[in-house]
PDB file of N, CA and C in Angstrom:
ATOM      1  N   UNK A   1      24.456   0.839  86.659  1.00  0.00           N
ATOM      2  CA  UNK A   1      23.790   1.109  87.924  1.00  0.00           C
ATOM      3  C   UNK A   1      24.292   0.111  88.955  1.00  0.00           C
ATOM      4  N   UNK A   2      24.739   0.596  90.083  1.00  0.00           N
ATOM      5  CA  UNK A   2      25.217  -0.272  91.153  1.00  0.00           C
ATOM      6  C   UNK A   2      24.255  -0.255  92.323  1.00  0.00           C
ATOM      7  N   UNK A   3      24.164  -1.384  93.005  1.00  0.00           N
ATOM      8  CA  UNK A   3      23.402  -1.430  94.241  1.00  0.00           C
ATOM      9  C   UNK A   3      21.905  -1.449  94.048  1.00  0.00           C
ATOM     10  N   UNK A   4      21.212  -0.776  94.949  1.00  0.00           N
ATOM     11  CA  UNK A   4      19.757  -0.816  94.986  1.00  0.00           C
ATOM     12  C   UNK A   4      19.168   0.463  94.406  1.00  0.00           C
ATOM     13  N   UNK A   5      18.171   0.309  93.541  1.00  0.00           N
ATOM     14  CA  UNK A   5      17.510   1.476  92.994  1.00  0.00           C
ATOM     15  C   UNK A   5      16.466   1.972  93.980  1.00  0.00           C
ATOM     16  N   UNK A   6      16.020   3.173  93.801  1.00  0.00           N
ATOM     17  CA  UNK A   6      15.044   3.784  94.701  1.00  0.00           C
ATOM     18  C   UNK A   6      13.808   2.910  94.843  1.00  0.00           C
ATOM     19  N   UNK A   7      13.256   2.889  96.033  1.00  0.00           N
ATOM     20  CA  UNK A   7      12.084   2.086  96.308  1.00  0.00           C
ATOM     21  C   UNK A   7      10.799   2.751  95.863  1.00  0.00           C
ATOM     22  N   UNK A   8       9.790   1.944  95.745  1.00  0.00           N
ATOM     23  CA  UNK A   8       8.441   2.402  95.439  1.00  0.00           C
ATOM     24  C   UNK A   8       7.526   1.810  96.492  1.00  0.00           C
ATOM     25  N   UNK A   9       6.474   2.524  96.832  1.00  0.00           N
ATOM     26  CA  UNK A   9       5.600   2.102  97.925  1.00  0.00           C
ATOM     27  C   UNK A   9       4.145   2.086  97.482  1.00  0.00           C
ATOM     28  N   UNK A  10       3.420   1.075  97.936  1.00  0.00           N
ATOM     29  CA  UNK A  10       1.975   0.973  97.739  1.00  0.00           C
ATOM     30  C   UNK A  10       1.336   0.875  99.116  1.00  0.00           C
ATOM     31  N   UNK A  11       0.139   1.400  99.247  1.00  0.00           N
ATOM     32  CA  UNK A  11      -0.601   1.264 100.501  1.00  0.00           C
ATOM     33  C   UNK A  11      -1.984   0.712 100.177  1.00  0.00           C
ATOM     34  N   UNK A  12      -2.401  -0.271 100.966  1.00  0.00           N
ATOM     35  CA  UNK A  12      -3.719  -0.863 100.794  1.00  0.00           C
ATOM     36  C   UNK A  12      -4.299  -1.129 102.175  1.00  0.00           C
ATOM     37  N   UNK A  13      -5.302  -0.355 102.533  1.00  0.00           N
ATOM     38  CA  UNK A  13      -5.920  -0.550 103.839  1.00  0.00           C
ATOM     39  C   UNK A  13      -4.915  -0.364 104.948  1.00  0.00           C
ATOM     40  N   UNK A  14      -4.682  -1.412 105.716  1.00  0.00           N
ATOM     41  CA  UNK A  14      -3.789  -1.321 106.863  1.00  0.00           C
ATOM     42  C   UNK A  14      -2.369  -1.800 106.564  1.00  0.00           C
ATOM     43  N   UNK A  15      -2.042  -2.046 105.278  1.00  0.00           N
ATOM     44  CA  UNK A  15      -0.719  -2.554 104.925  1.00  0.00           C
ATOM     45  C   UNK A  15       0.025  -1.621 103.985  1.00  0.00           C
ATOM     46  N   UNK A  16       1.339  -1.629 104.120  1.00  0.00           N
ATOM     47  CA  UNK A  16       2.235  -0.914 103.218  1.00  0.00           C
ATOM     48  C   UNK A  16       3.129  -1.948 102.561  1.00  0.00           C
ATOM     49  N   UNK A  17       3.302  -1.819 101.250  1.00  0.00           N
ATOM     50  CA  UNK A  17       4.208  -2.679 100.505  1.00  0.00           C
ATOM     51  C   UNK A  17       5.296  -1.795  99.908  1.00  0.00           C
ATOM     52  N   UNK A  18       6.533  -2.126 100.221  1.00  0.00           N
ATOM     53  CA  UNK A  18       7.672  -1.407  99.668  1.00  0.00           C
ATOM     54  C   UNK A  18       8.357  -2.305  98.661  1.00  0.00           C
ATOM     55  N   UNK A  19       8.640  -1.765  97.490  1.00  0.00           N
ATOM     56  CA  UNK A  19       9.313  -2.525  96.435  1.00  0.00           C
ATOM     57  C   UNK A  19      10.682  -1.914  96.185  1.00  0.00           C
ATOM     58  N   UNK A  20      11.638  -2.768  95.869  1.00  0.00           N
ATOM     59  CA  UNK A  20      12.983  -2.306  95.546  1.00  0.00           C
ATOM     60  C   UNK A  20      13.566  -3.242  94.497  1.00  0.00           C
ATOM     61  N   UNK A  21      14.560  -2.752  93.789  1.00  0.00           N
ATOM     62  CA  UNK A  21      15.282  -3.560  92.810  1.00  0.00           C
ATOM     63  C   UNK A  21      16.764  -3.420  93.109  1.00  0.00           C
ATOM     64  N   UNK A  22      17.452  -4.547  93.246  1.00  0.00           N
ATOM     65  CA  UNK A  22      18.880  -4.539  93.556  1.00  0.00           C
ATOM     66  C   UNK A  22      19.654  -5.198  92.420  1.00  0.00           C
ATOM     67  N   UNK A  23      20.653  -4.484  91.914  1.00  0.00           N
ATOM     68  CA  UNK A  23      21.510  -5.053  90.876  1.00  0.00           C
ATOM     69  C   UNK A  23      22.413  -6.107  91.497  1.00  0.00           C
ATOM     70  N   UNK A  24      22.553  -7.237  90.820  1.00  0.00           N
ATOM     71  CA  UNK A  24      23.375  -8.335  91.291  1.00  0.00           C
ATOM     72  C   UNK A  24      24.744  -8.289  90.615  1.00  0.00           C
ATOM     73  N   UNK A  25      25.740  -8.940  91.176  1.00  0.00           N
ATOM     74  CA  UNK A  25      27.092  -8.914  90.603  1.00  0.00           C
ATOM     75  C   UNK A  25      27.163  -9.422  89.158  1.00  0.00           C
ATOM     76  N   UNK A  26      26.239 -10.304  88.780  1.00  0.00           N
ATOM     77  CA  UNK A  26      26.259 -10.849  87.424  1.00  0.00           C
ATOM     78  C   UNK A  26      25.497  -9.991  86.417  1.00  0.00           C
ATOM     79  N   UNK A  27      25.020  -8.812  86.844  1.00  0.00           N
ATOM     80  CA  UNK A  27      24.322  -7.908  85.936  1.00  0.00           C
ATOM     81  C   UNK A  27      22.820  -8.123  85.862  1.00  0.00           C
ATOM     82  N   UNK A  28      22.290  -9.074  86.611  1.00  0.00           N
ATOM     83  CA  UNK A  28      20.841  -9.266  86.675  1.00  0.00           C
ATOM     84  C   UNK A  28      20.289  -8.385  87.791  1.00  0.00           C
ATOM     85  N   UNK A  29      18.973  -8.385  87.930  1.00  0.00           N
ATOM     86  CA  UNK A  29      18.320  -7.528  88.919  1.00  0.00           C
ATOM     87  C   UNK A  29      17.359  -8.349  89.767  1.00  0.00           C
ATOM     88  N   UNK A  30      17.488  -8.200  91.077  1.00  0.00           N
ATOM     89  CA  UNK A  30      16.602  -8.896  92.012  1.00  0.00           C
ATOM     90  C   UNK A  30      15.464  -7.965  92.407  1.00  0.00           C
ATOM     91  N   UNK A  31      14.240  -8.415  92.182  1.00  0.00           N
ATOM     92  CA  UNK A  31      13.055  -7.667  92.604  1.00  0.00           C
ATOM     93  C   UNK A  31      12.754  -8.055  94.041  1.00  0.00           C
ATOM     94  N   UNK A  32      12.566  -7.054  94.889  1.00  0.00           N
ATOM     95  CA  UNK A  32      12.340  -7.282  96.308  1.00  0.00           C
ATOM     96  C   UNK A  32      11.032  -6.626  96.738  1.00  0.00           C
ATOM     97  N   UNK A  33      10.269  -7.331  97.568  1.00  0.00           N
ATOM     98  CA  UNK A  33       9.001  -6.820  98.082  1.00  0.00           C
ATOM     99  C   UNK A  33       9.010  -6.992  99.599  1.00  0.00           C
ATOM    100  N   UNK A  34       8.616  -5.941 100.310  1.00  0.00           N
ATOM    101  CA  UNK A  34       8.560  -5.948 101.770  1.00  0.00           C
ATOM    102  C   UNK A  34       7.178  -5.471 102.195  1.00  0.00           C
ATOM    103  N   UNK A  35       6.546  -6.196 103.118  1.00  0.00           N
ATOM    104  CA  UNK A  35       5.187  -5.875 103.552  1.00  0.00           C
ATOM    105  C   UNK A  35       5.171  -5.657 105.063  1.00  0.00           C
ATOM    106  N   UNK A  36       4.386  -4.673 105.498  1.00  0.00           N
ATOM    107  CA  UNK A  36       4.207  -4.450 106.936  1.00  0.00           C
ATOM    108  C   UNK A  36       2.886  -3.744 107.173  1.00  0.00           C
ATOM    109  N   UNK A  37       2.431  -3.785 108.402  1.00  0.00           N
ATOM    110  CA  UNK A  37       1.262  -3.012 108.797  1.00  0.00           C
ATOM    111  C   UNK A  37       1.651  -1.538 108.848  1.00  0.00           C
ATOM    112  N   UNK A  38       0.712  -0.670 108.532  1.00  0.00           N
ATOM    113  CA  UNK A  38       0.964   0.769 108.527  1.00  0.00           C
ATOM    114  C   UNK A  38       1.507   1.236 109.874  1.00  0.00           C
ATOM    115  N   UNK A  39       0.988   0.711 110.943  1.00  0.00           N
ATOM    116  CA  UNK A  39       1.367   1.178 112.280  1.00  0.00           C
ATOM    117  C   UNK A  39       2.701   0.612 112.766  1.00  0.00           C
ATOM    118  N   UNK A  40       3.296  -0.323 112.020  1.00  0.00           N
ATOM    119  CA  UNK A  40       4.561  -0.930 112.440  1.00  0.00           C
ATOM    120  C   UNK A  40       5.754  -0.186 111.835  1.00  0.00           C
ATOM    121  N   UNK A  41       6.914  -0.251 112.506  1.00  0.00           N
ATOM    122  CA  UNK A  41       8.122   0.361 111.944  1.00  0.00           C
ATOM    123  C   UNK A  41       8.681  -0.488 110.804  1.00  0.00           C
ATOM    124  N   UNK A  42       9.567   0.087 110.009  1.00  0.00           N
ATOM    125  CA  UNK A  42      10.150  -0.644 108.880  1.00  0.00           C
ATOM    126  C   UNK A  42      10.861  -1.923 109.308  1.00  0.00           C
ATOM    127  N   UNK A  43      11.400  -1.965 110.515  1.00  0.00           N
ATOM    128  CA  UNK A  43      12.098  -3.175 110.961  1.00  0.00           C
ATOM    129  C   UNK A  43      11.159  -4.374 111.069  1.00  0.00           C
ATOM    130  N   UNK A  44       9.855  -4.139 111.051  1.00  0.00           N
ATOM    131  CA  UNK A  44       8.871  -5.219 111.137  1.00  0.00           C
ATOM    132  C   UNK A  44       8.456  -5.744 109.764  1.00  0.00           C
ATOM    133  N   UNK A  45       9.097  -5.257 108.715  1.00  0.00           N
ATOM    134  CA  UNK A  45       8.728  -5.689 107.361  1.00  0.00           C
ATOM    135  C   UNK A  45       8.982  -7.176 107.157  1.00  0.00           C
ATOM    136  N   UNK A  46       8.126  -7.788 106.355  1.00  0.00           N
ATOM    137  CA  UNK A  46       8.297  -9.177 105.937  1.00  0.00           C
ATOM    138  C   UNK A  46       8.782  -9.168 104.494  1.00  0.00           C
ATOM    139  N   UNK A  47       9.882  -9.850 104.229  1.00  0.00           N
ATOM    140  CA  UNK A  47      10.443  -9.938 102.876  1.00  0.00           C
ATOM    141  C   UNK A  47       9.726 -11.023 102.090  1.00  0.00           C
ATOM    142  N   UNK A  48       9.314 -10.695 100.880  1.00  0.00           N
ATOM    143  CA  UNK A  48       8.700 -11.669  99.973  1.00  0.00           C
ATOM    144  C   UNK A  48       9.532 -11.677  98.699  1.00  0.00           C
ATOM    145  N   UNK A  49      10.154 -12.812  98.354  1.00  0.00           N
ATOM    146  CA  UNK A  49      10.959 -12.873  97.132  1.00  0.00           C
ATOM    147  C   UNK A  49      10.107 -12.601  95.895  1.00  0.00           C
ATOM    148  N   UNK A  50      10.657 -11.855  94.957  1.00  0.00           N
ATOM    149  CA  UNK A  50       9.919 -11.544  93.734  1.00  0.00           C
ATOM    150  C   UNK A  50      10.654 -12.001  92.478  1.00  0.00           C
ATOM    151  N   UNK A  51      11.869 -12.501  92.603  1.00  0.00           N
ATOM    152  CA  UNK A  51      12.570 -13.083  91.468  1.00  0.00           C
ATOM    153  C   UNK A  51      13.775 -12.296  90.985  1.00  0.00           C
ATOM    154  N   UNK A  52      14.494 -12.932  90.066  1.00  0.00           N
ATOM    155  CA  UNK A  52      15.680 -12.355  89.415  1.00  0.00           C
ATOM    156  C   UNK A  52      15.311 -12.122  87.954  1.00  0.00           C
ATOM    157  N   UNK A  53      15.673 -10.955  87.421  1.00  0.00           N
ATOM    158  CA  UNK A  53      15.269 -10.562  86.074  1.00  0.00           C
ATOM    159  C   UNK A  53      16.462 -10.022  85.284  1.00  0.00           C
ATOM    160  N   UNK A  54      16.404 -10.115  83.957  1.00  0.00           N
ATOM    161  CA  UNK A  54      17.541  -9.679  83.136  1.00  0.00           C
ATOM    162  C   UNK A  54      17.676  -8.161  82.995  1.00  0.00           C
ATOM    163  N   UNK A  55      16.587  -7.415  83.204  1.00  0.00           N
ATOM    164  CA  UNK A  55      16.641  -5.959  83.077  1.00  0.00           C
ATOM    165  C   UNK A  55      15.995  -5.306  84.288  1.00  0.00           C
ATOM    166  N   UNK A  56      16.368  -4.054  84.530  1.00  0.00           N
ATOM    167  CA  UNK A  56      15.790  -3.325  85.656  1.00  0.00           C
ATOM    168  C   UNK A  56      14.291  -3.106  85.441  1.00  0.00           C
ATOM    169  N   UNK A  57      13.880  -2.873  84.206  1.00  0.00           N
ATOM    170  CA  UNK A  57      12.455  -2.676  83.915  1.00  0.00           C
ATOM    171  C   UNK A  57      11.652  -3.937  84.222  1.00  0.00           C
ATOM    172  N   UNK A  58      12.181  -5.094  83.822  1.00  0.00           N
ATOM    173  CA  UNK A  58      11.497  -6.361  84.097  1.00  0.00           C
ATOM    174  C   UNK A  58      11.436  -6.625  85.598  1.00  0.00           C
ATOM    175  N   UNK A  59      12.488  -6.242  86.312  1.00  0.00           N
ATOM    176  CA  UNK A  59      12.502  -6.431  87.766  1.00  0.00           C
ATOM    177  C   UNK A  59      11.440  -5.574  88.436  1.00  0.00           C
ATOM    178  N   UNK A  60      11.297  -4.313  87.994  1.00  0.00           N
ATOM    179  CA  UNK A  60      10.249  -3.461  88.578  1.00  0.00           C
ATOM    180  C   UNK A  60       8.866  -4.032  88.298  1.00  0.00           C
ATOM    181  N   UNK A  61       8.654  -4.546  87.099  1.00  0.00           N
ATOM    182  CA  UNK A  61       7.358  -5.141  86.775  1.00  0.00           C
ATOM    183  C   UNK A  61       7.125  -6.396  87.619  1.00  0.00           C
ATOM    184  N   UNK A  62       8.149  -7.208  87.810  1.00  0.00           N
ATOM    185  CA  UNK A  62       8.033  -8.393  88.665  1.00  0.00           C
ATOM    186  C   UNK A  62       7.716  -8.024  90.099  1.00  0.00           C
ATOM    187  N   UNK A  63       8.351  -6.964  90.593  1.00  0.00           N
ATOM    188  CA  UNK A  63       8.078  -6.500  91.952  1.00  0.00           C
ATOM    189  C   UNK A  63       6.645  -5.996  92.063  1.00  0.00           C
ATOM    190  N   UNK A  64       6.193  -5.252  91.052  1.00  0.00           N
ATOM    191  CA  UNK A  64       4.829  -4.721  91.071  1.00  0.00           C
ATOM    192  C   UNK A  64       3.807  -5.860  91.092  1.00  0.00           C
ATOM    193  N   UNK A  65       4.016  -6.861  90.249  1.00  0.00           N
ATOM    194  CA  UNK A  65       3.090  -7.996  90.204  1.00  0.00           C
ATOM    195  C   UNK A  65       3.083  -8.763  91.521  1.00  0.00           C
ATOM    196  N   UNK A  66       4.265  -8.959  92.101  1.00  0.00           N
ATOM    197  CA  UNK A  66       4.349  -9.712  93.363  1.00  0.00           C
ATOM    198  C   UNK A  66       3.722  -8.917  94.502  1.00  0.00           C
ATOM    199  N   UNK A  67       3.898  -7.603  94.495  1.00  0.00           N
ATOM    200  CA  UNK A  67       3.287  -6.755  95.515  1.00  0.00           C
ATOM    201  C   UNK A  67       1.769  -6.801  95.405  1.00  0.00           C
ATOM    202  N   UNK A  68       1.247  -6.736  94.182  1.00  0.00           N
ATOM    203  CA  UNK A  68      -0.199  -6.805  93.980  1.00  0.00           C
ATOM    204  C   UNK A  68      -0.744  -8.142  94.469  1.00  0.00           C
ATOM    205  N   UNK A  69      -0.025  -9.211  94.184  1.00  0.00           N
ATOM    206  CA  UNK A  69      -0.461 -10.540  94.652  1.00  0.00           C
ATOM    207  C   UNK A  69      -0.453 -10.613  96.173  1.00  0.00           C
ATOM    208  N   UNK A  70       0.599 -10.086  96.796  1.00  0.00           N
ATOM    209  CA  UNK A  70       0.685 -10.102  98.260  1.00  0.00           C
ATOM    210  C   UNK A  70      -0.474  -9.364  98.890  1.00  0.00           C
ATOM    211  N   UNK A  71      -0.827  -8.209  98.322  1.00  0.00           N
ATOM    212  CA  UNK A  71      -1.952  -7.447  98.850  1.00  0.00           C
ATOM    213  C   UNK A  71      -3.274  -8.152  98.578  1.00  0.00           C
ATOM    214  N   UNK A  72      -3.449  -8.640  97.354  1.00  0.00           N
ATOM    215  CA  UNK A  72      -4.701  -9.274  96.971  1.00  0.00           C
ATOM    216  C   UNK A  72      -4.995 -10.558  97.724  1.00  0.00           C
ATOM    217  N   UNK A  73      -3.935 -11.321  98.035  1.00  0.00           N
ATOM    218  CA  UNK A  73      -4.108 -12.607  98.709  1.00  0.00           C
ATOM    219  C   UNK A  73      -3.770 -12.534 100.195  1.00  0.00           C
ATOM    220  N   UNK A  74      -3.549 -11.342 100.706  1.00  0.00           N
ATOM    221  CA  UNK A  74      -3.243 -11.132 102.125  1.00  0.00           C
ATOM    222  C   UNK A  74      -2.089 -12.000 102.599  1.00  0.00           C
ATOM    223  N   UNK A  75      -0.992 -11.954 101.869  1.00  0.00           N
ATOM    224  CA  UNK A  75       0.206 -12.754 102.200  1.00  0.00           C
ATOM    225  C   UNK A  75       1.118 -11.987 103.156  1.00  0.00           C
ATOM    226  N   UNK A  76       0.715 -11.905 104.394  1.00  0.00           N
ATOM    227  CA  UNK A  76       1.552 -11.199 105.368  1.00  0.00           C
ATOM    228  C   UNK A  76       1.740 -12.059 106.576  1.00  0.00           C
TER     229      UNK A  76
END
């Protein structure tokens, strides 16, 4: 798998969290989380690092956990 895998989105109240996983040149996967207000365009997203993982499955789980934390702790 090359590049970025399809994103997943969560919505909580007035915020949207978009998650993505990007394959790195060394074969690891970077979990990415982006947060924005529902009424804002995607260009207003805030990037929150979610870590580097050895498998795509672990990266998706890392992104999911980081997204849940961002929503739960209002990290925007």
